[in-house]
Amino acid sequence: MKPNIQPWDRVARVLFGVIVAYAAYTLFENPVARVLAALGALFTLAEGITGVCYLQRHLGIRSIAEGMRKDPILILLTVQLVFAYEWWSSGWEKVTNPLFADGLPKTFAAFASNNPFPWVKNFLTTIATPNAATFALLVTWGALAAGIALFAAAALYAYSKNAKMKRWMVALSLAALIGGMLLNATYFFSAGWTGPGTKGMNVVMFWIQAMLVYAYGSWLAEERR
């Protein structure tokens, strides 16, 4: 098959593949993340070595940069993948941790102890703590659902040539991002006071997702005209 990747792009993909392979081997503790990262690394390395990008060939573009110039949404979807991993990883850690649900009442009590928001403190002590099992399911599967939806939507949008499918994937991304914003807001009000790291991370994630929601919402509104 004739190569369709520029030389500098091939080098970049090889380097990226090596970095992802290293992350899969040494950084990721989750077995699913390790397998997916390893497969991604092998695929990226294969593209860099052979010089053949199947996505570019499928979409009929000469480079990823050309695809992004034609469709700027692809740039935002690249950012979206970061949130996809973050939410999926967060949810998976809770699923595989048998102590998470059992320890949630104590966690809620700790979050409520010196919480600066009276209404949040009241919610944690009177509603969340007695229903900790329900909230454990909501938080765990909410994060997992957001991560899977964000990844699937980005992948299907990038690969699809169908305009209707692309609109549905942007709408799915928008819904998942709103879900992520709700989770970040919950973490901020509940545990933001416990440390600058928790507070800062949730603020940053919330507003970046908010900007993506605005961009996707504007794009969908324009597409309907």
N, C-alpha and C. Protein backbone atom coordinates (compact mmCIF):
# COMPACT_ATOMS: atom_id res chain seq x y z
N MET A 1 0.85 -1.19 0.00
CA MET A 1 0.00 0.00 0.00
C MET A 1 0.89 1.25 0.00
N LYS A 2 0.55 2.20 -0.85
CA LYS A 2 1.38 3.39 -1.01
C LYS A 2 1.32 4.28 0.23
N PRO A 3 2.49 4.72 0.75
CA PRO A 3 2.51 5.60 1.93
C PRO A 3 1.76 6.90 1.66
N ASN A 4 1.04 7.39 2.66
CA ASN A 4 0.31 8.65 2.52
C ASN A 4 0.55 9.58 3.70
N ILE A 5 1.66 9.36 4.43
CA ILE A 5 2.01 10.20 5.57
C ILE A 5 3.32 10.91 5.28
N GLN A 6 3.37 12.20 5.59
CA GLN A 6 4.59 12.98 5.39
C GLN A 6 5.71 12.48 6.32
N PRO A 7 6.97 12.64 5.90
CA PRO A 7 8.10 12.14 6.71
C PRO A 7 8.09 12.63 8.16
N TRP A 8 7.83 13.95 8.35
CA TRP A 8 7.84 14.47 9.73
C TRP A 8 6.71 13.86 10.55
N ASP A 9 5.59 13.57 9.87
CA ASP A 9 4.45 12.98 10.55
C ASP A 9 4.76 11.53 10.95
N ARG A 10 5.52 10.85 10.11
CA ARG A 10 5.91 9.48 10.44
C ARG A 10 6.79 9.46 11.68
N VAL A 11 7.73 10.40 11.74
CA VAL A 11 8.61 10.49 12.91
C VAL A 11 7.79 10.80 14.17
N ALA A 12 6.84 11.74 14.03
CA ALA A 12 6.00 12.11 15.17
C ALA A 12 5.19 10.92 15.67
N ARG A 13 4.68 10.12 14.75
CA ARG A 13 3.87 8.97 15.16
C ARG A 13 4.71 7.89 15.84
N VAL A 14 5.92 7.71 15.34
CA VAL A 14 6.81 6.74 15.99
C VAL A 14 7.13 7.19 17.41
N LEU A 15 7.46 8.47 17.57
CA LEU A 15 7.77 9.00 18.90
C LEU A 15 6.56 8.89 19.83
N PHE A 16 5.40 9.24 19.30
CA PHE A 16 4.18 9.16 20.09
C PHE A 16 3.89 7.72 20.48
N GLY A 17 4.09 6.80 19.54
CA GLY A 17 3.87 5.39 19.83
C GLY A 17 4.79 4.88 20.92
N VAL A 18 6.05 5.32 20.89
CA VAL A 18 7.01 4.92 21.92
C VAL A 18 6.58 5.45 23.29
N ILE A 19 6.14 6.71 23.33
CA ILE A 19 5.71 7.32 24.59
C ILE A 19 4.49 6.58 25.16
N VAL A 20 3.53 6.28 24.29
CA VAL A 20 2.32 5.57 24.74
C VAL A 20 2.67 4.16 25.21
N ALA A 21 3.58 3.51 24.50
CA ALA A 21 4.01 2.16 24.90
C ALA A 21 4.67 2.20 26.28
N TYR A 22 5.49 3.21 26.50
CA TYR A 22 6.14 3.37 27.81
C TYR A 22 5.10 3.59 28.91
N ALA A 23 4.11 4.43 28.59
CA ALA A 23 3.04 4.70 29.56
C ALA A 23 2.26 3.42 29.87
N ALA A 24 2.00 2.64 28.83
CA ALA A 24 1.25 1.40 29.02
C ALA A 24 2.02 0.43 29.91
N TYR A 25 3.33 0.43 29.78
CA TYR A 25 4.15 -0.53 30.52
C TYR A 25 4.45 -0.08 31.95
N THR A 26 4.63 1.22 32.16
CA THR A 26 5.11 1.69 33.46
C THR A 26 4.14 2.58 34.23
N LEU A 27 3.29 3.33 33.54
CA LEU A 27 2.47 4.33 34.22
C LEU A 27 1.06 3.85 34.53
N PHE A 28 0.43 3.20 33.57
CA PHE A 28 -0.96 2.78 33.77
C PHE A 28 -1.02 1.55 34.66
N GLU A 29 -1.82 1.64 35.71
CA GLU A 29 -2.01 0.50 36.60
C GLU A 29 -3.23 -0.32 36.20
N ASN A 30 -4.19 0.34 35.59
CA ASN A 30 -5.41 -0.34 35.19
C ASN A 30 -5.13 -1.28 34.03
N PRO A 31 -5.50 -2.57 34.14
CA PRO A 31 -5.19 -3.53 33.07
C PRO A 31 -5.87 -3.19 31.75
N VAL A 32 -7.10 -2.70 31.80
CA VAL A 32 -7.79 -2.34 30.56
C VAL A 32 -7.08 -1.17 29.89
N ALA A 33 -6.69 -0.17 30.69
CA ALA A 33 -5.96 0.98 30.15
C ALA A 33 -4.64 0.53 29.53
N ARG A 34 -3.99 -0.41 30.18
CA ARG A 34 -2.72 -0.92 29.66
C ARG A 34 -2.90 -1.59 28.30
N VAL A 35 -3.93 -2.42 28.20
CA VAL A 35 -4.17 -3.13 26.95
C VAL A 35 -4.52 -2.15 25.83
N LEU A 36 -5.43 -1.21 26.12
CA LEU A 36 -5.83 -0.24 25.11
C LEU A 36 -4.66 0.65 24.69
N ALA A 37 -3.86 1.06 25.68
CA ALA A 37 -2.70 1.90 25.36
C ALA A 37 -1.68 1.13 24.54
N ALA A 38 -1.48 -0.14 24.88
CA ALA A 38 -0.53 -0.96 24.13
C ALA A 38 -0.99 -1.15 22.69
N LEU A 39 -2.28 -1.40 22.51
CA LEU A 39 -2.82 -1.55 21.15
C LEU A 39 -2.69 -0.25 20.37
N GLY A 40 -3.00 0.87 21.05
CA GLY A 40 -2.85 2.17 20.40
C GLY A 40 -1.42 2.46 20.02
N ALA A 41 -0.49 2.08 20.90
CA ALA A 41 0.93 2.30 20.62
C ALA A 41 1.38 1.47 19.42
N LEU A 42 0.97 0.21 19.37
CA LEU A 42 1.34 -0.65 18.25
C LEU A 42 0.78 -0.13 16.94
N PHE A 43 -0.47 0.32 16.98
CA PHE A 43 -1.11 0.84 15.77
C PHE A 43 -0.40 2.10 15.29
N THR A 44 -0.08 3.00 16.24
CA THR A 44 0.60 4.25 15.88
C THR A 44 2.00 3.98 15.35
N LEU A 45 2.71 3.06 15.99
CA LEU A 45 4.04 2.69 15.51
C LEU A 45 3.98 2.09 14.11
N ALA A 46 2.97 1.25 13.88
CA ALA A 46 2.82 0.64 12.56
C ALA A 46 2.58 1.70 11.49
N GLU A 47 1.76 2.70 11.82
CA GLU A 47 1.51 3.78 10.86
C GLU A 47 2.79 4.56 10.59
N GLY A 48 3.54 4.85 11.66
CA GLY A 48 4.77 5.61 11.47
C GLY A 48 5.81 4.84 10.67
N ILE A 49 5.91 3.55 10.90
CA ILE A 49 6.91 2.74 10.21
C ILE A 49 6.53 2.49 8.75
N THR A 50 5.26 2.17 8.51
CA THR A 50 4.82 1.88 7.14
C THR A 50 4.50 3.13 6.35
N GLY A 51 4.19 4.22 7.06
CA GLY A 51 3.83 5.46 6.37
C GLY A 51 2.41 5.47 5.84
N VAL A 52 1.58 4.56 6.34
CA VAL A 52 0.20 4.45 5.86
C VAL A 52 -0.76 4.78 7.00
N CYS A 53 -1.61 5.79 6.78
CA CYS A 53 -2.64 6.15 7.75
C CYS A 53 -4.00 5.76 7.16
N TYR A 54 -4.65 4.82 7.78
CA TYR A 54 -5.91 4.32 7.24
C TYR A 54 -7.04 5.34 7.39
N LEU A 55 -6.98 6.15 8.44
CA LEU A 55 -8.01 7.17 8.62
C LEU A 55 -7.93 8.21 7.52
N GLN A 56 -6.72 8.66 7.20
CA GLN A 56 -6.55 9.63 6.12
C GLN A 56 -7.03 9.05 4.79
N ARG A 57 -6.71 7.80 4.56
CA ARG A 57 -7.13 7.17 3.30
C ARG A 57 -8.65 7.04 3.26
N HIS A 58 -9.24 6.68 4.40
CA HIS A 58 -10.70 6.51 4.47
C HIS A 58 -11.41 7.84 4.22
N LEU A 59 -10.87 8.93 4.78
CA LEU A 59 -11.52 10.24 4.66
C LEU A 59 -11.11 10.98 3.40
N GLY A 60 -10.11 10.48 2.69
CA GLY A 60 -9.67 11.12 1.46
C GLY A 60 -8.92 12.42 1.68
N ILE A 61 -8.13 12.47 2.76
CA ILE A 61 -7.34 13.67 3.06
C ILE A 61 -5.86 13.31 3.02
N ARG A 62 -5.03 14.33 2.79
CA ARG A 62 -3.59 14.09 2.68
C ARG A 62 -2.89 14.11 4.02
N SER A 63 -3.50 14.74 5.02
CA SER A 63 -2.88 14.80 6.34
C SER A 63 -3.95 15.08 7.39
N ILE A 64 -3.61 14.80 8.63
CA ILE A 64 -4.52 15.11 9.73
C ILE A 64 -4.75 16.61 9.82
N ALA A 65 -3.68 17.38 9.55
CA ALA A 65 -3.80 18.84 9.58
C ALA A 65 -4.83 19.32 8.55
N GLU A 66 -4.81 18.71 7.37
CA GLU A 66 -5.80 19.08 6.35
C GLU A 66 -7.21 18.76 6.83
N GLY A 67 -7.35 17.62 7.49
CA GLY A 67 -8.66 17.26 8.03
C GLY A 67 -9.14 18.24 9.07
N MET A 68 -8.22 18.73 9.91
CA MET A 68 -8.59 19.70 10.93
C MET A 68 -8.92 21.06 10.33
N ARG A 69 -8.24 21.41 9.24
CA ARG A 69 -8.58 22.68 8.57
C ARG A 69 -9.97 22.61 7.96
N LYS A 70 -10.31 21.46 7.40
CA LYS A 70 -11.63 21.30 6.80
C LYS A 70 -12.71 21.18 7.86
N ASP A 71 -12.37 20.59 9.00
CA ASP A 71 -13.36 20.35 10.05
C ASP A 71 -12.73 20.64 11.41
N PRO A 72 -12.80 21.91 11.88
CA PRO A 72 -12.16 22.30 13.15
C PRO A 72 -12.68 21.54 14.37
N ILE A 73 -13.86 20.94 14.26
CA ILE A 73 -14.40 20.16 15.38
C ILE A 73 -13.43 19.05 15.77
N LEU A 74 -12.65 18.55 14.81
CA LEU A 74 -11.70 17.49 15.10
C LEU A 74 -10.67 17.93 16.14
N ILE A 75 -10.33 19.21 16.14
CA ILE A 75 -9.38 19.73 17.14
C ILE A 75 -9.98 19.61 18.53
N LEU A 76 -11.26 20.00 18.65
CA LEU A 76 -11.93 19.93 19.95
C LEU A 76 -12.09 18.48 20.40
N LEU A 77 -12.32 17.59 19.44
CA LEU A 77 -12.48 16.18 19.80
C LEU A 77 -11.17 15.59 20.33
N THR A 78 -10.05 16.13 19.87
CA THR A 78 -8.76 15.68 20.41
C THR A 78 -8.65 16.04 21.89
N VAL A 79 -9.09 17.25 22.23
CA VAL A 79 -9.12 17.66 23.64
C VAL A 79 -10.10 16.79 24.42
N GLN A 80 -11.19 16.47 23.78
CA GLN A 80 -12.23 15.66 24.42
C GLN A 80 -11.71 14.30 24.85
N LEU A 81 -10.77 13.74 24.09
CA LEU A 81 -10.23 12.43 24.43
C LEU A 81 -9.53 12.43 25.79
N VAL A 82 -8.96 13.58 26.16
CA VAL A 82 -8.32 13.68 27.48
C VAL A 82 -9.36 13.51 28.58
N PHE A 83 -10.51 14.15 28.40
CA PHE A 83 -11.58 14.01 29.38
C PHE A 83 -12.19 12.62 29.34
N ALA A 84 -12.22 12.01 28.16
CA ALA A 84 -12.73 10.65 28.05
C ALA A 84 -11.90 9.71 28.92
N TYR A 85 -10.59 9.83 28.83
CA TYR A 85 -9.74 8.97 29.65
C TYR A 85 -9.89 9.29 31.14
N GLU A 86 -9.95 10.57 31.46
CA GLU A 86 -10.03 10.97 32.87
C GLU A 86 -11.29 10.43 33.53
N TRP A 87 -12.43 10.56 32.85
CA TRP A 87 -13.68 10.09 33.45
C TRP A 87 -13.75 8.57 33.47
N TRP A 88 -13.30 7.94 32.39
CA TRP A 88 -13.31 6.48 32.38
C TRP A 88 -12.40 5.93 33.48
N SER A 89 -11.21 6.51 33.62
CA SER A 89 -10.27 6.05 34.64
C SER A 89 -10.84 6.25 36.04
N SER A 90 -11.48 7.40 36.26
CA SER A 90 -12.08 7.69 37.56
C SER A 90 -13.16 6.67 37.90
N GLY A 91 -14.02 6.39 36.93
CA GLY A 91 -15.09 5.43 37.18
C GLY A 91 -14.57 4.02 37.37
N TRP A 92 -13.59 3.63 36.56
CA TRP A 92 -13.06 2.26 36.65
C TRP A 92 -12.36 2.02 37.98
N GLU A 93 -11.65 3.01 38.47
CA GLU A 93 -10.99 2.86 39.77
C GLU A 93 -12.00 2.60 40.88
N LYS A 94 -13.15 3.24 40.78
CA LYS A 94 -14.19 3.04 41.80
C LYS A 94 -14.85 1.68 41.65
N VAL A 95 -15.04 1.24 40.40
CA VAL A 95 -15.65 -0.07 40.17
C VAL A 95 -14.77 -1.18 40.74
N THR A 96 -13.48 -1.05 40.56
CA THR A 96 -12.55 -2.11 40.97
C THR A 96 -12.08 -1.97 42.42
N ASN A 97 -12.53 -0.93 43.10
CA ASN A 97 -12.15 -0.74 44.50
C ASN A 97 -13.31 -1.12 45.41
N PRO A 98 -13.26 -2.29 46.04
CA PRO A 98 -14.39 -2.74 46.87
C PRO A 98 -14.61 -1.87 48.10
N LEU A 99 -13.61 -1.07 48.46
CA LEU A 99 -13.73 -0.23 49.65
C LEU A 99 -14.40 1.11 49.37
N PHE A 100 -14.56 1.44 48.08
CA PHE A 100 -15.10 2.76 47.75
C PHE A 100 -16.51 2.95 48.29
N ALA A 101 -17.42 2.04 47.92
CA ALA A 101 -18.81 2.18 48.35
C ALA A 101 -18.95 2.05 49.86
N ASP A 102 -18.22 1.10 50.45
CA ASP A 102 -18.33 0.89 51.90
C ASP A 102 -17.81 2.09 52.69
N GLY A 103 -16.81 2.75 52.15
CA GLY A 103 -16.22 3.87 52.88
C GLY A 103 -16.83 5.22 52.56
N LEU A 104 -17.84 5.23 51.68
CA LEU A 104 -18.41 6.51 51.25
C LEU A 104 -19.09 7.29 52.39
N PRO A 105 -19.81 6.63 53.31
CA PRO A 105 -20.39 7.40 54.42
C PRO A 105 -19.34 8.18 55.22
N LYS A 106 -18.19 7.54 55.48
CA LYS A 106 -17.12 8.25 56.20
C LYS A 106 -16.55 9.37 55.34
N THR A 107 -16.47 9.13 54.04
CA THR A 107 -15.98 10.17 53.13
C THR A 107 -16.91 11.37 53.14
N PHE A 108 -18.21 11.11 53.08
CA PHE A 108 -19.19 12.20 53.12
C PHE A 108 -19.08 12.97 54.44
N ALA A 109 -18.89 12.24 55.52
CA ALA A 109 -18.77 12.89 56.83
C ALA A 109 -17.54 13.80 56.87
N ALA A 110 -16.45 13.32 56.28
CA ALA A 110 -15.23 14.13 56.24
C ALA A 110 -15.43 15.37 55.37
N PHE A 111 -16.10 15.21 54.23
CA PHE A 111 -16.37 16.34 53.35
C PHE A 111 -17.27 17.38 54.02
N ALA A 112 -18.19 16.89 54.87
CA ALA A 112 -19.14 17.80 55.51
C ALA A 112 -18.55 18.50 56.73
N SER A 113 -17.51 17.92 57.31
CA SER A 113 -17.00 18.40 58.60
C SER A 113 -16.69 19.90 58.62
N ASN A 114 -15.90 20.37 57.67
CA ASN A 114 -15.54 21.79 57.63
C ASN A 114 -15.95 22.44 56.31
N ASN A 115 -16.99 21.90 55.71
CA ASN A 115 -17.42 22.43 54.41
C ASN A 115 -17.91 23.87 54.55
N PRO A 116 -17.39 24.78 53.71
CA PRO A 116 -17.75 26.20 53.83
C PRO A 116 -19.15 26.54 53.30
N PHE A 117 -19.79 25.58 52.64
CA PHE A 117 -21.11 25.84 52.07
C PHE A 117 -22.17 25.14 52.95
N PRO A 118 -22.95 25.89 53.70
CA PRO A 118 -23.94 25.27 54.61
C PRO A 118 -24.91 24.34 53.90
N TRP A 119 -25.36 24.73 52.71
CA TRP A 119 -26.33 23.90 52.00
C TRP A 119 -25.71 22.58 51.55
N VAL A 120 -24.41 22.61 51.21
CA VAL A 120 -23.72 21.38 50.83
C VAL A 120 -23.53 20.49 52.05
N LYS A 121 -23.14 21.10 53.16
CA LYS A 121 -22.96 20.35 54.40
C LYS A 121 -24.25 19.66 54.81
N ASN A 122 -25.35 20.38 54.70
CA ASN A 122 -26.65 19.81 55.04
C ASN A 122 -27.02 18.67 54.09
N PHE A 123 -26.74 18.86 52.81
CA PHE A 123 -27.03 17.81 51.82
C PHE A 123 -26.21 16.55 52.10
N LEU A 124 -24.94 16.73 52.41
CA LEU A 124 -24.07 15.58 52.65
C LEU A 124 -24.50 14.79 53.89
N THR A 125 -24.92 15.49 54.91
CA THR A 125 -25.26 14.81 56.17
C THR A 125 -26.67 14.23 56.19
N THR A 126 -27.61 14.90 55.53
CA THR A 126 -29.01 14.46 55.63
C THR A 126 -29.49 13.64 54.44
N ILE A 127 -28.86 13.81 53.29
CA ILE A 127 -29.32 13.09 52.09
C ILE A 127 -28.27 12.12 51.56
N ALA A 128 -27.06 12.62 51.35
CA ALA A 128 -26.03 11.78 50.74
C ALA A 128 -25.60 10.62 51.63
N THR A 129 -25.33 10.89 52.89
CA THR A 129 -24.84 9.84 53.79
C THR A 129 -25.84 8.70 53.97
N PRO A 130 -27.13 8.97 54.24
CA PRO A 130 -28.08 7.86 54.38
C PRO A 130 -28.28 7.07 53.09
N ASN A 131 -27.98 7.68 51.96
CA ASN A 131 -28.16 7.02 50.66
C ASN A 131 -26.82 6.84 49.95
N ALA A 132 -25.80 6.53 50.74
CA ALA A 132 -24.44 6.44 50.20
C ALA A 132 -24.32 5.39 49.09
N ALA A 133 -25.01 4.27 49.23
CA ALA A 133 -24.92 3.21 48.22
C ALA A 133 -25.44 3.70 46.87
N THR A 134 -26.53 4.45 46.90
CA THR A 134 -27.09 4.98 45.66
C THR A 134 -26.14 5.99 45.02
N PHE A 135 -25.57 6.86 45.84
CA PHE A 135 -24.65 7.86 45.32
C PHE A 135 -23.36 7.22 44.81
N ALA A 136 -22.96 6.12 45.42
CA ALA A 136 -21.78 5.40 44.93
C ALA A 136 -22.01 4.91 43.51
N LEU A 137 -23.20 4.37 43.26
CA LEU A 137 -23.53 3.90 41.91
C LEU A 137 -23.60 5.06 40.92
N LEU A 138 -24.23 6.16 41.35
CA LEU A 138 -24.37 7.31 40.45
C LEU A 138 -23.01 7.89 40.06
N VAL A 139 -22.14 8.05 41.05
CA VAL A 139 -20.82 8.63 40.78
C VAL A 139 -19.98 7.69 39.92
N THR A 140 -19.98 6.41 40.29
CA THR A 140 -19.15 5.43 39.58
C THR A 140 -19.58 5.27 38.13
N TRP A 141 -20.85 4.96 37.93
CA TRP A 141 -21.31 4.68 36.57
C TRP A 141 -21.53 5.95 35.77
N GLY A 142 -21.73 7.07 36.46
CA GLY A 142 -21.80 8.34 35.76
C GLY A 142 -20.47 8.69 35.12
N ALA A 143 -19.39 8.51 35.88
CA ALA A 143 -18.05 8.78 35.35
C ALA A 143 -17.70 7.82 34.22
N LEU A 144 -18.01 6.54 34.42
CA LEU A 144 -17.73 5.56 33.37
C LEU A 144 -18.51 5.86 32.09
N ALA A 145 -19.79 6.17 32.25
CA ALA A 145 -20.63 6.47 31.08
C ALA A 145 -20.11 7.70 30.34
N ALA A 146 -19.71 8.72 31.08
CA ALA A 146 -19.19 9.93 30.45
C ALA A 146 -17.92 9.63 29.66
N GLY A 147 -17.02 8.85 30.26
CA GLY A 147 -15.78 8.52 29.59
C GLY A 147 -15.99 7.71 28.32
N ILE A 148 -16.83 6.68 28.41
CA ILE A 148 -17.09 5.84 27.24
C ILE A 148 -17.79 6.63 26.14
N ALA A 149 -18.77 7.45 26.53
CA ALA A 149 -19.50 8.24 25.54
C ALA A 149 -18.59 9.24 24.83
N LEU A 150 -17.71 9.89 25.59
CA LEU A 150 -16.80 10.87 24.99
C LEU A 150 -15.83 10.21 24.02
N PHE A 151 -15.32 9.05 24.39
CA PHE A 151 -14.39 8.35 23.50
C PHE A 151 -15.10 7.84 22.25
N ALA A 152 -16.24 7.19 22.44
CA ALA A 152 -16.98 6.63 21.31
C ALA A 152 -17.42 7.73 20.34
N ALA A 153 -17.90 8.84 20.89
CA ALA A 153 -18.37 9.94 20.04
C ALA A 153 -17.23 10.53 19.23
N ALA A 154 -16.08 10.71 19.86
CA ALA A 154 -14.93 11.27 19.15
C ALA A 154 -14.46 10.34 18.04
N ALA A 155 -14.39 9.04 18.34
CA ALA A 155 -13.92 8.07 17.36
C ALA A 155 -14.88 7.96 16.18
N LEU A 156 -16.18 7.87 16.47
CA LEU A 156 -17.16 7.72 15.40
C LEU A 156 -17.27 8.99 14.56
N TYR A 157 -17.15 10.15 15.19
CA TYR A 157 -17.19 11.39 14.43
C TYR A 157 -16.01 11.46 13.47
N ALA A 158 -14.82 11.13 13.97
CA ALA A 158 -13.62 11.23 13.14
C ALA A 158 -13.67 10.27 11.96
N TYR A 159 -14.27 9.10 12.16
CA TYR A 159 -14.27 8.07 11.11
C TYR A 159 -15.44 8.21 10.14
N SER A 160 -16.53 8.79 10.61
CA SER A 160 -17.75 8.83 9.80
C SER A 160 -17.68 9.89 8.70
N LYS A 161 -18.33 9.58 7.59
CA LYS A 161 -18.50 10.54 6.50
C LYS A 161 -19.93 11.05 6.43
N ASN A 162 -20.78 10.52 7.29
CA ASN A 162 -22.20 10.85 7.26
C ASN A 162 -22.47 12.08 8.13
N ALA A 163 -23.07 13.11 7.54
CA ALA A 163 -23.30 14.37 8.25
C ALA A 163 -24.25 14.18 9.43
N LYS A 164 -25.27 13.35 9.26
CA LYS A 164 -26.23 13.12 10.34
C LYS A 164 -25.55 12.41 11.51
N MET A 165 -24.72 11.43 11.20
CA MET A 165 -23.98 10.72 12.25
C MET A 165 -23.07 11.68 13.01
N LYS A 166 -22.42 12.57 12.29
CA LYS A 166 -21.54 13.54 12.93
C LYS A 166 -22.32 14.43 13.89
N ARG A 167 -23.51 14.86 13.49
CA ARG A 167 -24.33 15.69 14.38
C ARG A 167 -24.72 14.93 15.64
N TRP A 168 -25.09 13.66 15.47
CA TRP A 168 -25.46 12.85 16.63
C TRP A 168 -24.28 12.67 17.58
N MET A 169 -23.09 12.50 17.02
CA MET A 169 -21.91 12.30 17.86
C MET A 169 -21.53 13.58 18.61
N VAL A 170 -21.73 14.73 17.98
CA VAL A 170 -21.48 15.99 18.67
C VAL A 170 -22.51 16.17 19.79
N ALA A 171 -23.76 15.81 19.51
CA ALA A 171 -24.80 15.91 20.54
C ALA A 171 -24.49 14.97 21.71
N LEU A 172 -24.01 13.77 21.40
CA LEU A 172 -23.63 12.83 22.46
C LEU A 172 -22.47 13.38 23.28
N SER A 173 -21.51 13.97 22.60
CA SER A 173 -20.37 14.59 23.30
C SER A 173 -20.85 15.70 24.22
N LEU A 174 -21.76 16.52 23.72
CA LEU A 174 -22.28 17.63 24.51
C LEU A 174 -22.96 17.11 25.78
N ALA A 175 -23.79 16.07 25.64
CA ALA A 175 -24.49 15.51 26.80
C ALA A 175 -23.50 14.93 27.81
N ALA A 176 -22.48 14.21 27.32
CA ALA A 176 -21.49 13.61 28.21
C ALA A 176 -20.67 14.68 28.92
N LEU A 177 -20.35 15.76 28.22
CA LEU A 177 -19.59 16.84 28.83
C LEU A 177 -20.40 17.55 29.91
N ILE A 178 -21.69 17.71 29.68
CA ILE A 178 -22.54 18.31 30.71
C ILE A 178 -22.56 17.41 31.95
N GLY A 179 -22.62 16.09 31.71
CA GLY A 179 -22.54 15.16 32.84
C GLY A 179 -21.22 15.30 33.58
N GLY A 180 -20.13 15.46 32.84
CA GLY A 180 -18.83 15.66 33.46
C GLY A 180 -18.78 16.94 34.27
N MET A 181 -19.39 18.00 33.74
CA MET A 181 -19.44 19.27 34.47
C MET A 181 -20.18 19.12 35.79
N LEU A 182 -21.27 18.36 35.76
CA LEU A 182 -22.04 18.14 37.00
C LEU A 182 -21.20 17.39 38.03
N LEU A 183 -20.44 16.41 37.57
CA LEU A 183 -19.56 15.67 38.48
C LEU A 183 -18.49 16.58 39.06
N ASN A 184 -17.88 17.41 38.22
CA ASN A 184 -16.85 18.33 38.70
C ASN A 184 -17.42 19.34 39.69
N ALA A 185 -18.62 19.84 39.40
CA ALA A 185 -19.25 20.78 40.32
C ALA A 185 -19.54 20.11 41.66
N THR A 186 -19.97 18.86 41.60
CA THR A 186 -20.24 18.12 42.83
C THR A 186 -18.97 17.93 43.65
N TYR A 187 -17.89 17.53 42.97
CA TYR A 187 -16.61 17.35 43.67
C TYR A 187 -16.10 18.67 44.24
N PHE A 188 -16.28 19.75 43.49
CA PHE A 188 -15.80 21.05 43.94
C PHE A 188 -16.50 21.49 45.22
N PHE A 189 -17.83 21.45 45.20
CA PHE A 189 -18.57 21.92 46.37
C PHE A 189 -18.43 20.97 47.56
N SER A 190 -18.25 19.69 47.28
CA SER A 190 -18.14 18.72 48.37
C SER A 190 -16.74 18.67 48.97
N ALA A 191 -15.73 18.65 48.10
CA ALA A 191 -14.36 18.40 48.58
C ALA A 191 -13.35 19.45 48.17
N GLY A 192 -13.79 20.49 47.48
CA GLY A 192 -12.84 21.51 47.03
C GLY A 192 -12.08 22.18 48.16
N TRP A 193 -12.72 22.25 49.32
CA TRP A 193 -12.09 22.92 50.46
C TRP A 193 -10.96 22.09 51.07
N THR A 194 -10.87 20.81 50.71
CA THR A 194 -9.88 19.93 51.36
C THR A 194 -8.45 20.20 50.88
N GLY A 195 -8.30 20.86 49.74
CA GLY A 195 -6.95 21.13 49.26
C GLY A 195 -6.96 21.87 47.93
N PRO A 196 -5.89 22.62 47.64
CA PRO A 196 -5.84 23.38 46.38
C PRO A 196 -5.83 22.49 45.14
N GLY A 197 -5.27 21.29 45.27
CA GLY A 197 -5.24 20.39 44.12
C GLY A 197 -6.63 19.95 43.70
N THR A 198 -7.41 19.52 44.67
CA THR A 198 -8.79 19.09 44.39
C THR A 198 -9.61 20.25 43.85
N LYS A 199 -9.47 21.40 44.48
CA LYS A 199 -10.22 22.58 44.04
C LYS A 199 -9.81 23.00 42.63
N GLY A 200 -8.51 23.12 42.41
CA GLY A 200 -8.03 23.60 41.12
C GLY A 200 -8.35 22.66 39.97
N MET A 201 -8.15 21.36 40.18
CA MET A 201 -8.41 20.39 39.13
C MET A 201 -9.87 20.42 38.68
N ASN A 202 -10.78 20.47 39.64
CA ASN A 202 -12.19 20.47 39.28
C ASN A 202 -12.62 21.77 38.62
N VAL A 203 -12.04 22.88 39.03
CA VAL A 203 -12.35 24.16 38.39
C VAL A 203 -11.87 24.15 36.94
N VAL A 204 -10.64 23.69 36.72
CA VAL A 204 -10.09 23.66 35.36
C VAL A 204 -10.90 22.73 34.46
N MET A 205 -11.19 21.53 34.96
CA MET A 205 -11.96 20.58 34.16
C MET A 205 -13.35 21.12 33.86
N PHE A 206 -13.98 21.75 34.85
CA PHE A 206 -15.33 22.28 34.65
C PHE A 206 -15.36 23.30 33.52
N TRP A 207 -14.42 24.25 33.55
CA TRP A 207 -14.49 25.34 32.57
C TRP A 207 -14.02 24.93 31.18
N ILE A 208 -13.10 24.00 31.09
CA ILE A 208 -12.72 23.51 29.76
C ILE A 208 -13.89 22.76 29.14
N GLN A 209 -14.55 21.94 29.94
CA GLN A 209 -15.73 21.23 29.43
C GLN A 209 -16.84 22.22 29.07
N ALA A 210 -16.97 23.28 29.86
CA ALA A 210 -17.98 24.30 29.56
C ALA A 210 -17.70 24.96 28.21
N MET A 211 -16.43 25.21 27.92
CA MET A 211 -16.07 25.82 26.63
C MET A 211 -16.36 24.86 25.48
N LEU A 212 -16.11 23.57 25.70
CA LEU A 212 -16.43 22.59 24.67
C LEU A 212 -17.94 22.50 24.46
N VAL A 213 -18.69 22.55 25.55
CA VAL A 213 -20.16 22.52 25.44
C VAL A 213 -20.65 23.72 24.63
N TYR A 214 -20.09 24.89 24.90
CA TYR A 214 -20.48 26.08 24.15
C TYR A 214 -20.15 25.94 22.66
N ALA A 215 -18.95 25.43 22.39
CA ALA A 215 -18.53 25.27 20.99
C ALA A 215 -19.40 24.25 20.27
N TYR A 216 -19.67 23.13 20.92
CA TYR A 216 -20.50 22.10 20.29
C TYR A 216 -21.94 22.58 20.12
N GLY A 217 -22.45 23.28 21.13
CA GLY A 217 -23.80 23.81 21.03
C GLY A 217 -23.93 24.80 19.89
N SER A 218 -22.93 25.66 19.74
CA SER A 218 -22.94 26.64 18.64
C SER A 218 -22.87 25.93 17.29
N TRP A 219 -22.03 24.89 17.22
CA TRP A 219 -21.89 24.14 15.98
C TRP A 219 -23.20 23.46 15.59
N LEU A 220 -23.85 22.85 16.57
CA LEU A 220 -25.13 22.17 16.29
C LEU A 220 -26.19 23.17 15.85
N ALA A 221 -26.20 24.35 16.48
CA ALA A 221 -27.17 25.38 16.10
C ALA A 221 -26.95 25.83 14.66
N GLU A 222 -25.68 25.98 14.28
CA GLU A 222 -25.37 26.38 12.91
C GLU A 222 -25.75 25.29 11.91
N GLU A 223 -25.54 24.04 12.29
CA GLU A 223 -25.83 22.93 11.39
C GLU A 223 -27.33 22.80 11.12
N ARG A 224 -28.15 23.25 12.05
CA ARG A 224 -29.60 23.13 11.88
C ARG A 224 -30.17 24.21 10.98
N ARG A 225 -29.39 25.23 10.71
CA ARG A 225 -29.90 26.32 9.86
C ARG A 225 -30.01 25.88 8.40
